[in-house]
Amino acid sequence: MGGRYEDRAAAFLEKKGLQVIEKNFRCRTGEIDLIAKDGTYLVFVEVKYRHTSESGRAASAVDLRKQRVISRTAKVYLLSRGYGEDTDCRFDVIAFDGSTLRWIKNAFDCL
């Protein structure tokens, strides 16, 4: 099911003018759902889905532990793709609560 929502998130971002350059980047430190370009920014996007709010809202699943994993994985991505330390980066969350999509730009800082 996650792939379906990642595809929806990618289509949404592209409609907003971002260029999705990679999906499901994986390495030993973790995974990043989507990586996109937004002007000069490289955007690392975590996509979360919750059918109901019974187990909390989708965005709340991107807790401090998950933020650390994403941050470490983003650093590996930058090194593996030859990006410099001065690359402008942003960490966004796209949260699906049922059929409602919420885009949280700059959801957290790199840890």
PDB file of N, CA and C in Angstrom:
ATOM      1  N   MET A   1       0.822  -1.199   0.000  1.00  0.00           N
ATOM      2  CA  MET A   1       0.000   0.000   0.000  1.00  0.00           C
ATOM      3  C   MET A   1       0.859   1.253   0.000  1.00  0.00           C
ATOM      4  N   GLY A   2       2.028   1.191   0.663  1.00  0.00           N
ATOM      5  CA  GLY A   2       2.881   2.370   0.742  1.00  0.00           C
ATOM      6  C   GLY A   2       3.283   2.905  -0.608  1.00  0.00           C
ATOM      7  N   GLY A   3       3.557   1.997  -1.561  1.00  0.00           N
ATOM      8  CA  GLY A   3       3.966   2.417  -2.897  1.00  0.00           C
ATOM      9  C   GLY A   3       2.910   3.245  -3.596  1.00  0.00           C
ATOM     10  N   ARG A   4       1.659   2.890  -3.364  1.00  0.00           N
ATOM     11  CA  ARG A   4       0.561   3.637  -3.990  1.00  0.00           C
ATOM     12  C   ARG A   4       0.535   5.079  -3.476  1.00  0.00           C
ATOM     13  N   TYR A   5       0.721   5.251  -2.177  1.00  0.00           N
ATOM     14  CA  TYR A   5       0.707   6.603  -1.608  1.00  0.00           C
ATOM     15  C   TYR A   5       1.978   7.372  -1.964  1.00  0.00           C
ATOM     16  N   GLU A   6       3.093   6.677  -2.097  1.00  0.00           N
ATOM     17  CA  GLU A   6       4.308   7.350  -2.555  1.00  0.00           C
ATOM     18  C   GLU A   6       4.129   7.849  -3.985  1.00  0.00           C
ATOM     19  N   ASP A   7       3.473   7.058  -4.831  1.00  0.00           N
ATOM     20  CA  ASP A   7       3.196   7.496  -6.202  1.00  0.00           C
ATOM     21  C   ASP A   7       2.269   8.710  -6.209  1.00  0.00           C
ATOM     22  N   ARG A   8       1.251   8.696  -5.352  1.00  0.00           N
ATOM     23  CA  ARG A   8       0.345   9.846  -5.257  1.00  0.00           C
ATOM     24  C   ARG A   8       1.094  11.085  -4.780  1.00  0.00           C
ATOM     25  N   ALA A   9       1.977  10.898  -3.795  1.00  0.00           N
ATOM     26  CA  ALA A   9       2.766  12.023  -3.279  1.00  0.00           C
ATOM     27  C   ALA A   9       3.691  12.570  -4.359  1.00  0.00           C
ATOM     28  N   ALA A  10       4.325  11.688  -5.126  1.00  0.00           N
ATOM     29  CA  ALA A  10       5.220  12.126  -6.195  1.00  0.00           C
ATOM     30  C   ALA A  10       4.447  12.929  -7.246  1.00  0.00           C
ATOM     31  N   ALA A  11       3.270  12.449  -7.624  1.00  0.00           N
ATOM     32  CA  ALA A  11       2.442  13.168  -8.603  1.00  0.00           C
ATOM     33  C   ALA A  11       2.035  14.532  -8.063  1.00  0.00           C
ATOM     34  N   PHE A  12       1.681  14.595  -6.780  1.00  0.00           N
ATOM     35  CA  PHE A  12       1.310  15.860  -6.145  1.00  0.00           C
ATOM     36  C   PHE A  12       2.476  16.852  -6.200  1.00  0.00           C
ATOM     37  N   LEU A  13       3.668  16.380  -5.818  1.00  0.00           N
ATOM     38  CA  LEU A  13       4.835  17.264  -5.817  1.00  0.00           C
ATOM     39  C   LEU A  13       5.150  17.767  -7.220  1.00  0.00           C
ATOM     40  N   GLU A  14       5.039  16.887  -8.207  1.00  0.00           N
ATOM     41  CA  GLU A  14       5.315  17.303  -9.573  1.00  0.00           C
ATOM     42  C   GLU A  14       4.309  18.351 -10.044  1.00  0.00           C
ATOM     43  N   LYS A  15       3.050  18.220  -9.628  1.00  0.00           N
ATOM     44  CA  LYS A  15       2.054  19.245  -9.962  1.00  0.00           C
ATOM     45  C   LYS A  15       2.393  20.581  -9.313  1.00  0.00           C
ATOM     46  N   LYS A  16       3.081  20.525  -8.174  1.00  0.00           N
ATOM     47  CA  LYS A  16       3.490  21.748  -7.472  1.00  0.00           C
ATOM     48  C   LYS A  16       4.801  22.311  -8.008  1.00  0.00           C
ATOM     49  N   GLY A  17       5.372  21.664  -9.037  1.00  0.00           N
ATOM     50  CA  GLY A  17       6.566  22.194  -9.669  1.00  0.00           C
ATOM     51  C   GLY A  17       7.882  21.568  -9.253  1.00  0.00           C
ATOM     52  N   LEU A  18       7.855  20.584  -8.365  1.00  0.00           N
ATOM     53  CA  LEU A  18       9.081  19.906  -7.974  1.00  0.00           C
ATOM     54  C   LEU A  18       9.403  18.823  -8.999  1.00  0.00           C
ATOM     55  N   GLN A  19      10.659  18.461  -9.085  1.00  0.00           N
ATOM     56  CA  GLN A  19      11.090  17.383  -9.972  1.00  0.00           C
ATOM     57  C   GLN A  19      11.519  16.203  -9.098  1.00  0.00           C
ATOM     58  N   VAL A  20      10.766  15.122  -9.131  1.00  0.00           N
ATOM     59  CA  VAL A  20      11.129  13.926  -8.362  1.00  0.00           C
ATOM     60  C   VAL A  20      12.272  13.243  -9.096  1.00  0.00           C
ATOM     61  N   ILE A  21      13.406  13.083  -8.397  1.00  0.00           N
ATOM     62  CA  ILE A  21      14.583  12.515  -9.048  1.00  0.00           C
ATOM     63  C   ILE A  21      14.881  11.096  -8.583  1.00  0.00           C
ATOM     64  N   GLU A  22      14.290  10.687  -7.462  1.00  0.00           N
ATOM     65  CA  GLU A  22      14.516   9.327  -6.996  1.00  0.00           C
ATOM     66  C   GLU A  22      13.386   8.902  -6.059  1.00  0.00           C
ATOM     67  N   LYS A  23      13.058   7.612  -6.152  1.00  0.00           N
ATOM     68  CA  LYS A  23      12.061   7.022  -5.258  1.00  0.00           C
ATOM     69  C   LYS A  23      12.700   5.868  -4.510  1.00  0.00           C
ATOM     70  N   ASN A  24      12.368   5.764  -3.246  1.00  0.00           N
ATOM     71  CA  ASN A  24      12.802   4.641  -2.406  1.00  0.00           C
ATOM     72  C   ASN A  24      14.307   4.426  -2.407  1.00  0.00           C
ATOM     73  N   PHE A  25      15.045   5.479  -2.087  1.00  0.00           N
ATOM     74  CA  PHE A  25      16.501   5.342  -1.933  1.00  0.00           C
ATOM     75  C   PHE A  25      16.761   4.540  -0.664  1.00  0.00           C
ATOM     76  N   ARG A  26      17.518   3.453  -0.817  1.00  0.00           N
ATOM     77  CA  ARG A  26      17.826   2.586   0.322  1.00  0.00           C
ATOM     78  C   ARG A  26      19.333   2.421   0.463  1.00  0.00           C
ATOM     79  N   CYS A  27      19.759   2.381   1.713  1.00  0.00           N
ATOM     80  CA  CYS A  27      21.145   2.057   2.026  1.00  0.00           C
ATOM     81  C   CYS A  27      21.136   1.398   3.406  1.00  0.00           C
ATOM     82  N   ARG A  28      22.301   1.106   3.929  1.00  0.00           N
ATOM     83  CA  ARG A  28      22.343   0.375   5.206  1.00  0.00           C
ATOM     84  C   ARG A  28      21.776   1.191   6.378  1.00  0.00           C
ATOM     85  N   THR A  29      21.737   2.514   6.238  1.00  0.00           N
ATOM     86  CA  THR A  29      21.238   3.342   7.343  1.00  0.00           C
ATOM     87  C   THR A  29      19.724   3.511   7.339  1.00  0.00           C
ATOM     88  N   GLY A  30      19.088   3.284   6.182  1.00  0.00           N
ATOM     89  CA  GLY A  30      17.637   3.453   6.137  1.00  0.00           C
ATOM     90  C   GLY A  30      17.125   3.679   4.733  1.00  0.00           C
ATOM     91  N   GLU A  31      15.945   4.286   4.646  1.00  0.00           N
ATOM     92  CA  GLU A  31      15.281   4.527   3.368  1.00  0.00           C
ATOM     93  C   GLU A  31      14.681   5.929   3.359  1.00  0.00           C
ATOM     94  N   ILE A  32      14.687   6.527   2.171  1.00  0.00           N
ATOM     95  CA  ILE A  32      13.997   7.796   1.954  1.00  0.00           C
ATOM     96  C   ILE A  32      12.991   7.546   0.843  1.00  0.00           C
ATOM     97  N   ASP A  33      11.738   7.910   1.106  1.00  0.00           N
ATOM     98  CA  ASP A  33      10.664   7.601   0.160  1.00  0.00           C
ATOM     99  C   ASP A  33      10.826   8.323  -1.170  1.00  0.00           C
ATOM    100  N   LEU A  34      11.008   9.639  -1.123  1.00  0.00           N
ATOM    101  CA  LEU A  34      11.126  10.437  -2.339  1.00  0.00           C
ATOM    102  C   LEU A  34      12.239  11.468  -2.176  1.00  0.00           C
ATOM    103  N   ILE A  35      12.940  11.722  -3.269  1.00  0.00           N
ATOM    104  CA  ILE A  35      13.932  12.788  -3.294  1.00  0.00           C
ATOM    105  C   ILE A  35      13.592  13.645  -4.507  1.00  0.00           C
ATOM    106  N   ALA A  36      13.490  14.950  -4.269  1.00  0.00           N
ATOM    107  CA  ALA A  36      13.044  15.852  -5.330  1.00  0.00           C
ATOM    108  C   ALA A  36      13.903  17.110  -5.348  1.00  0.00           C
ATOM    109  N   LYS A  37      13.823  17.826  -6.455  1.00  0.00           N
ATOM    110  CA  LYS A  37      14.451  19.133  -6.571  1.00  0.00           C
ATOM    111  C   LYS A  37      13.346  20.186  -6.545  1.00  0.00           C
ATOM    112  N   ASP A  38      13.565  21.219  -5.741  1.00  0.00           N
ATOM    113  CA  ASP A  38      12.656  22.358  -5.666  1.00  0.00           C
ATOM    114  C   ASP A  38      13.519  23.609  -5.789  1.00  0.00           C
ATOM    115  N   GLY A  39      13.684  24.071  -7.004  1.00  0.00           N
ATOM    116  CA  GLY A  39      14.609  25.179  -7.234  1.00  0.00           C
ATOM    117  C   GLY A  39      16.016  24.720  -6.912  1.00  0.00           C
ATOM    118  N   THR A  40      16.688  25.424  -6.004  1.00  0.00           N
ATOM    119  CA  THR A  40      18.050  25.048  -5.617  1.00  0.00           C
ATOM    120  C   THR A  40      18.071  23.999  -4.509  1.00  0.00           C
ATOM    121  N   TYR A  41      16.902  23.679  -3.959  1.00  0.00           N
ATOM    122  CA  TYR A  41      16.836  22.739  -2.831  1.00  0.00           C
ATOM    123  C   TYR A  41      16.713  21.295  -3.283  1.00  0.00           C
ATOM    124  N   LEU A  42      17.420  20.435  -2.579  1.00  0.00           N
ATOM    125  CA  LEU A  42      17.237  19.004  -2.679  1.00  0.00           C
ATOM    126  C   LEU A  42      16.303  18.642  -1.526  1.00  0.00           C
ATOM    127  N   VAL A  43      15.180  18.037  -1.844  1.00  0.00           N
ATOM    128  CA  VAL A  43      14.132  17.801  -0.847  1.00  0.00           C
ATOM    129  C   VAL A  43      14.006  16.303  -0.575  1.00  0.00           C
ATOM    130  N   PHE A  44      14.173  15.927   0.686  1.00  0.00           N
ATOM    131  CA  PHE A  44      13.998  14.548   1.127  1.00  0.00           C
ATOM    132  C   PHE A  44      12.600  14.446   1.723  1.00  0.00           C
ATOM    133  N   VAL A  45      11.799  13.553   1.172  1.00  0.00           N
ATOM    134  CA  VAL A  45      10.384  13.497   1.536  1.00  0.00           C
ATOM    135  C   VAL A  45      10.036  12.153   2.166  1.00  0.00           C
ATOM    136  N   GLU A  46       9.435  12.216   3.327  1.00  0.00           N
ATOM    137  CA  GLU A  46       8.890  11.027   3.996  1.00  0.00           C
ATOM    138  C   GLU A  46       7.383  11.024   3.760  1.00  0.00           C
ATOM    139  N   VAL A  47       6.866   9.906   3.289  1.00  0.00           N
ATOM    140  CA  VAL A  47       5.437   9.765   3.020  1.00  0.00           C
ATOM    141  C   VAL A  47       4.844   8.833   4.070  1.00  0.00           C
ATOM    142  N   LYS A  48       3.794   9.293   4.733  1.00  0.00           N
ATOM    143  CA  LYS A  48       3.122   8.486   5.758  1.00  0.00           C
ATOM    144  C   LYS A  48       1.630   8.444   5.468  1.00  0.00           C
ATOM    145  N   TYR A  49       1.041   7.288   5.760  1.00  0.00           N
ATOM    146  CA  TYR A  49      -0.391   7.082   5.534  1.00  0.00           C
ATOM    147  C   TYR A  49      -1.018   6.452   6.769  1.00  0.00           C
ATOM    148  N   ARG A  50      -2.182   6.947   7.122  1.00  0.00           N
ATOM    149  CA  ARG A  50      -3.013   6.346   8.172  1.00  0.00           C
ATOM    150  C   ARG A  50      -4.438   6.290   7.647  1.00  0.00           C
ATOM    151  N   HIS A  51      -5.013   5.107   7.693  1.00  0.00           N
ATOM    152  CA  HIS A  51      -6.399   4.925   7.252  1.00  0.00           C
ATOM    153  C   HIS A  51      -7.360   5.648   8.193  1.00  0.00           C
ATOM    154  N   THR A  52      -7.103   5.513   9.497  1.00  0.00           N
ATOM    155  CA  THR A  52      -7.906   6.198  10.517  1.00  0.00           C
ATOM    156  C   THR A  52      -6.959   6.862  11.506  1.00  0.00           C
ATOM    157  N   SER A  53      -7.505   7.686  12.362  1.00  0.00           N
ATOM    158  CA  SER A  53      -6.674   8.349  13.375  1.00  0.00           C
ATOM    159  C   SER A  53      -6.543   7.509  14.640  1.00  0.00           C
ATOM    160  N   GLU A  54      -7.006   6.275  14.582  1.00  0.00           N
ATOM    161  CA  GLU A  54      -6.965   5.381  15.743  1.00  0.00           C
ATOM    162  C   GLU A  54      -5.554   5.237  16.318  1.00  0.00           C
ATOM    163  N   SER A  55      -4.566   5.152  15.440  1.00  0.00           N
ATOM    164  CA  SER A  55      -3.182   5.013  15.913  1.00  0.00           C
ATOM    165  C   SER A  55      -2.413   6.327  15.802  1.00  0.00           C
ATOM    166  N   GLY A  56      -3.129   7.449  15.743  1.00  0.00           N
ATOM    167  CA  GLY A  56      -2.508   8.762  15.648  1.00  0.00           C
ATOM    168  C   GLY A  56      -2.519   9.274  14.221  1.00  0.00           C
ATOM    169  N   ARG A  57      -2.177  10.513  14.079  1.00  0.00           N
ATOM    170  CA  ARG A  57      -2.134  11.123  12.747  1.00  0.00           C
ATOM    171  C   ARG A  57      -0.866  10.675  12.024  1.00  0.00           C
ATOM    172  N   ALA A  58      -0.932  10.675  10.717  1.00  0.00           N
ATOM    173  CA  ALA A  58       0.180  10.174   9.904  1.00  0.00           C
ATOM    174  C   ALA A  58       1.480  10.932  10.191  1.00  0.00           C
ATOM    175  N   ALA A  59       1.417  12.243  10.262  1.00  0.00           N
ATOM    176  CA  ALA A  59       2.637  13.043  10.455  1.00  0.00           C
ATOM    177  C   ALA A  59       3.313  12.744  11.790  1.00  0.00           C
ATOM    178  N   SER A  60       2.551  12.359  12.788  1.00  0.00           N
ATOM    179  CA  SER A  60       3.148  12.080  14.104  1.00  0.00           C
ATOM    180  C   SER A  60       4.024  10.834  14.084  1.00  0.00           C
ATOM    181  N   ALA A  61       3.924  10.024  13.038  1.00  0.00           N
ATOM    182  CA  ALA A  61       4.773   8.837  12.919  1.00  0.00           C
ATOM    183  C   ALA A  61       6.213   9.206  12.555  1.00  0.00           C
ATOM    184  N   VAL A  62       6.435  10.440  12.141  1.00  0.00           N
ATOM    185  CA  VAL A  62       7.794  10.893  11.833  1.00  0.00           C
ATOM    186  C   VAL A  62       8.371  11.503  13.108  1.00  0.00           C
ATOM    187  N   ASP A  63       8.647  10.619  14.036  1.00  0.00           N
ATOM    188  CA  ASP A  63       9.147  11.027  15.349  1.00  0.00           C
ATOM    189  C   ASP A  63      10.658  11.283  15.293  1.00  0.00           C
ATOM    190  N   LEU A  64      11.231  11.612  16.431  1.00  0.00           N
ATOM    191  CA  LEU A  64      12.650  11.945  16.498  1.00  0.00           C
ATOM    192  C   LEU A  64      13.527  10.798  16.006  1.00  0.00           C
ATOM    193  N   ARG A  65      13.191   9.576  16.345  1.00  0.00           N
ATOM    194  CA  ARG A  65      13.954   8.418  15.891  1.00  0.00           C
ATOM    195  C   ARG A  65      13.934   8.334  14.360  1.00  0.00           C
ATOM    196  N   LYS A  66      12.757   8.485  13.774  1.00  0.00           N
ATOM    197  CA  LYS A  66      12.609   8.424  12.323  1.00  0.00           C
ATOM    198  C   LYS A  66      13.352   9.591  11.665  1.00  0.00           C
ATOM    199  N   GLN A  67      13.312  10.761  12.274  1.00  0.00           N
ATOM    200  CA  GLN A  67      14.032  11.923  11.744  1.00  0.00           C
ATOM    201  C   GLN A  67      15.533  11.664  11.708  1.00  0.00           C
ATOM    202  N   ARG A  68      16.049  11.007  12.746  1.00  0.00           N
ATOM    203  CA  ARG A  68      17.487  10.676  12.772  1.00  0.00           C
ATOM    204  C   ARG A  68      17.849   9.710  11.647  1.00  0.00           C
ATOM    205  N   VAL A  69      17.007   8.705  11.440  1.00  0.00           N
ATOM    206  CA  VAL A  69      17.247   7.733  10.369  1.00  0.00           C
ATOM    207  C   VAL A  69      17.245   8.430   9.008  1.00  0.00           C
ATOM    208  N   ILE A  70      16.256   9.282   8.782  1.00  0.00           N
ATOM    209  CA  ILE A  70      16.171  10.004   7.511  1.00  0.00           C
ATOM    210  C   ILE A  70      17.379  10.920   7.330  1.00  0.00           C
ATOM    211  N   SER A  71      17.776  11.614   8.374  1.00  0.00           N
ATOM    212  CA  SER A  71      18.933  12.510   8.307  1.00  0.00           C
ATOM    213  C   SER A  71      20.205  11.750   7.952  1.00  0.00           C
ATOM    214  N   ARG A  72      20.448  10.625   8.616  1.00  0.00           N
ATOM    215  CA  ARG A  72      21.640   9.814   8.314  1.00  0.00           C
ATOM    216  C   ARG A  72      21.604   9.304   6.873  1.00  0.00           C
ATOM    217  N   THR A  73      20.439   8.858   6.460  1.00  0.00           N
ATOM    218  CA  THR A  73      20.289   8.333   5.101  1.00  0.00           C
ATOM    219  C   THR A  73      20.486   9.437   4.068  1.00  0.00           C
ATOM    220  N   ALA A  74      20.009  10.625   4.361  1.00  0.00           N
ATOM    221  CA  ALA A  74      20.206  11.767   3.456  1.00  0.00           C
ATOM    222  C   ALA A  74      21.691  12.081   3.303  1.00  0.00           C
ATOM    223  N   LYS A  75      22.442  11.995   4.373  1.00  0.00           N
ATOM    224  CA  LYS A  75      23.887  12.251   4.306  1.00  0.00           C
ATOM    225  C   LYS A  75      24.570  11.221   3.418  1.00  0.00           C
ATOM    226  N   VAL A  76      24.160   9.961   3.537  1.00  0.00           N
ATOM    227  CA  VAL A  76      24.710   8.914   2.672  1.00  0.00           C
ATOM    228  C   VAL A  76      24.358   9.212   1.216  1.00  0.00           C
ATOM    229  N   TYR A  77      23.125   9.605   0.973  1.00  0.00           N
ATOM    230  CA  TYR A  77      22.689   9.936  -0.387  1.00  0.00           C
ATOM    231  C   TYR A  77      23.551  11.058  -0.964  1.00  0.00           C
ATOM    232  N   LEU A  78      23.728  12.129  -0.208  1.00  0.00           N
ATOM    233  CA  LEU A  78      24.511  13.262  -0.689  1.00  0.00           C
ATOM    234  C   LEU A  78      25.931  12.830  -1.071  1.00  0.00           C
ATOM    235  N   LEU A  79      26.560  12.043  -0.210  1.00  0.00           N
ATOM    236  CA  LEU A  79      27.915  11.569  -0.498  1.00  0.00           C
ATOM    237  C   LEU A  79      27.944  10.643  -1.705  1.00  0.00           C
ATOM    238  N   SER A  80      26.982   9.733  -1.778  1.00  0.00           N
ATOM    239  CA  SER A  80      26.984   8.736  -2.852  1.00  0.00           C
ATOM    240  C   SER A  80      26.683   9.345  -4.217  1.00  0.00           C
ATOM    241  N   ARG A  81      26.025  10.482  -4.241  1.00  0.00           N
ATOM    242  CA  ARG A  81      25.667  11.128  -5.510  1.00  0.00           C
ATOM    243  C   ARG A  81      26.554  12.321  -5.836  1.00  0.00           C
ATOM    244  N   GLY A  82      27.575  12.570  -5.002  1.00  0.00           N
ATOM    245  CA  GLY A  82      28.543  13.614  -5.293  1.00  0.00           C
ATOM    246  C   GLY A  82      28.094  15.031  -4.983  1.00  0.00           C
ATOM    247  N   TYR A  83      27.086  15.181  -4.148  1.00  0.00           N
ATOM    248  CA  TYR A  83      26.661  16.530  -3.743  1.00  0.00           C
ATOM    249  C   TYR A  83      27.630  17.074  -2.699  1.00  0.00           C
ATOM    250  N   GLY A  84      27.869  18.359  -2.740  1.00  0.00           N
ATOM    251  CA  GLY A  84      28.767  18.986  -1.783  1.00  0.00           C
ATOM    252  C   GLY A  84      28.083  19.272  -0.455  1.00  0.00           C
ATOM    253  N   GLU A  85      28.897  19.613   0.526  1.00  0.00           N
ATOM    254  CA  GLU A  85      28.379  19.934   1.866  1.00  0.00           C
ATOM    255  C   GLU A  85      27.538  21.201   1.868  1.00  0.00           C
ATOM    256  N   ASP A  86      27.687  22.015   0.854  1.00  0.00           N
ATOM    257  CA  ASP A  86      26.955  23.278   0.785  1.00  0.00           C
ATOM    258  C   ASP A  86      25.609  23.141   0.059  1.00  0.00           C
ATOM    259  N   THR A  87      25.198  21.909  -0.238  1.00  0.00           N
ATOM    260  CA  THR A  87      23.940  21.676  -0.929  1.00  0.00           C
ATOM    261  C   THR A  87      22.770  22.092  -0.039  1.00  0.00           C
ATOM    262  N   ASP A  88      21.878  22.914  -0.593  1.00  0.00           N
ATOM    263  CA  ASP A  88      20.678  23.315   0.138  1.00  0.00           C
ATOM    264  C   ASP A  88      19.726  22.125   0.203  1.00  0.00           C
ATOM    265  N   CYS A  89      19.383  21.722   1.416  1.00  0.00           N
ATOM    266  CA  CYS A  89      18.499  20.564   1.619  1.00  0.00           C
ATOM    267  C   CYS A  89      17.307  20.949   2.485  1.00  0.00           C
ATOM    268  N   ARG A  90      16.243  20.185   2.290  1.00  0.00           N
ATOM    269  CA  ARG A  90      15.029  20.387   3.082  1.00  0.00           C
ATOM    270  C   ARG A  90      14.414  19.016   3.347  1.00  0.00           C
ATOM    271  N   PHE A  91      13.763  18.889   4.501  1.00  0.00           N
ATOM    272  CA  PHE A  91      13.106  17.641   4.874  1.00  0.00           C
ATOM    273  C   PHE A  91      11.607  17.900   5.001  1.00  0.00           C
ATOM    274  N   ASP A  92      10.846  17.292   4.104  1.00  0.00           N
ATOM    275  CA  ASP A  92       9.393  17.467   4.062  1.00  0.00           C
ATOM    276  C   ASP A  92       8.704  16.163   4.442  1.00  0.00           C
ATOM    277  N   VAL A  93       7.467  16.291   4.858  1.00  0.00           N
ATOM    278  CA  VAL A  93       6.611  15.131   5.127  1.00  0.00           C
ATOM    279  C   VAL A  93       5.332  15.326   4.327  1.00  0.00           C
ATOM    280  N   ILE A  94       4.908  14.266   3.663  1.00  0.00           N
ATOM    281  CA  ILE A  94       3.581  14.248   3.063  1.00  0.00           C
ATOM    282  C   ILE A  94       2.787  13.216   3.840  1.00  0.00           C
ATOM    283  N   ALA A  95       1.741  13.694   4.496  1.00  0.00           N
ATOM    284  CA  ALA A  95       0.934  12.855   5.378  1.00  0.00           C
ATOM    285  C   ALA A  95      -0.453  12.665   4.782  1.00  0.00           C
ATOM    286  N   PHE A  96      -0.837  11.416   4.649  1.00  0.00           N
ATOM    287  CA  PHE A  96      -2.182  11.067   4.210  1.00  0.00           C
ATOM    288  C   PHE A  96      -2.948  10.570   5.430  1.00  0.00           C
ATOM    289  N   ASP A  97      -3.955  11.319   5.825  1.00  0.00           N
ATOM    290  CA  ASP A  97      -4.877  10.878   6.879  1.00  0.00           C
ATOM    291  C   ASP A  97      -6.187  10.575   6.172  1.00  0.00           C
ATOM    292  N   GLY A  98      -6.411   9.264   5.939  1.00  0.00           N
ATOM    293  CA  GLY A  98      -7.540   8.888   5.104  1.00  0.00           C
ATOM    294  C   GLY A  98      -7.287   9.414   3.713  1.00  0.00           C
ATOM    295  N   SER A  99      -8.214  10.177   3.169  1.00  0.00           N
ATOM    296  CA  SER A  99      -8.058  10.717   1.814  1.00  0.00           C
ATOM    297  C   SER A  99      -7.475  12.131   1.813  1.00  0.00           C
ATOM    298  N   THR A 100      -7.173  12.669   2.982  1.00  0.00           N
ATOM    299  CA  THR A 100      -6.650  14.025   3.087  1.00  0.00           C
ATOM    300  C   THR A 100      -5.130  14.031   3.015  1.00  0.00           C
ATOM    301  N   LEU A 101      -4.590  14.808   2.087  1.00  0.00           N
ATOM    302  CA  LEU A 101      -3.150  14.949   1.939  1.00  0.00           C
ATOM    303  C   LEU A 101      -2.726  16.256   2.591  1.00  0.00           C
ATOM    304  N   ARG A 102      -1.657  16.173   3.380  1.00  0.00           N
ATOM    305  CA  ARG A 102      -1.079  17.369   4.000  1.00  0.00           C
ATOM    306  C   ARG A 102       0.415  17.399   3.702  1.00  0.00           C
ATOM    307  N   TRP A 103       0.879  18.496   3.112  1.00  0.00           N
ATOM    308  CA  TRP A 103       2.293  18.661   2.773  1.00  0.00           C
ATOM    309  C   TRP A 103       2.921  19.562   3.823  1.00  0.00           C
ATOM    310  N   ILE A 104       3.870  19.029   4.551  1.00  0.00           N
ATOM    311  CA  ILE A 104       4.556  19.794   5.589  1.00  0.00           C
ATOM    312  C   ILE A 104       5.969  20.082   5.088  1.00  0.00           C
ATOM    313  N   LYS A 105       6.160  21.298   4.596  1.00  0.00           N
ATOM    314  CA  LYS A 105       7.475  21.715   4.135  1.00  0.00           C
ATOM    315  C   LYS A 105       8.360  22.000   5.347  1.00  0.00           C
ATOM    316  N   ASN A 106       9.639  21.681   5.203  1.00  0.00           N
ATOM    317  CA  ASN A 106      10.586  21.948   6.295  1.00  0.00           C
ATOM    318  C   ASN A 106      10.082  21.350   7.601  1.00  0.00           C
ATOM    319  N   ALA A 107       9.658  20.110   7.547  1.00  0.00           N
ATOM    320  CA  ALA A 107       9.055  19.459   8.707  1.00  0.00           C
ATOM    321  C   ALA A 107      10.029  19.297   9.870  1.00  0.00           C
ATOM    322  N   PHE A 108      11.309  19.140   9.534  1.00  0.00           N
ATOM    323  CA  PHE A 108      12.329  19.027  10.583  1.00  0.00           C
ATOM    324  C   PHE A 108      13.686  19.386   9.992  1.00  0.00           C
ATOM    325  N   ASP A 109      14.633  19.654  10.873  1.00  0.00           N
ATOM    326  CA  ASP A 109      16.009  19.962  10.458  1.00  0.00           C
ATOM    327  C   ASP A 109      16.834  18.685  10.452  1.00  0.00           C
ATOM    328  N   CYS A 110      17.905  18.698   9.708  1.00  0.00           N
ATOM    329  CA  CYS A 110      18.814  17.552   9.685  1.00  0.00           C
ATOM    330  C   CYS A 110      19.418  17.373  11.082  1.00  0.00           C
ATOM    331  N   LEU A 111      19.381  16.151  11.526  1.00  0.00           N
ATOM    332  CA  LEU A 111      19.911  15.862  12.872  1.00  0.00           C
ATOM    333  C   LEU A 111      21.258  15.175  12.793  1.00  0.00           C
TER     334      LEU A 111
END
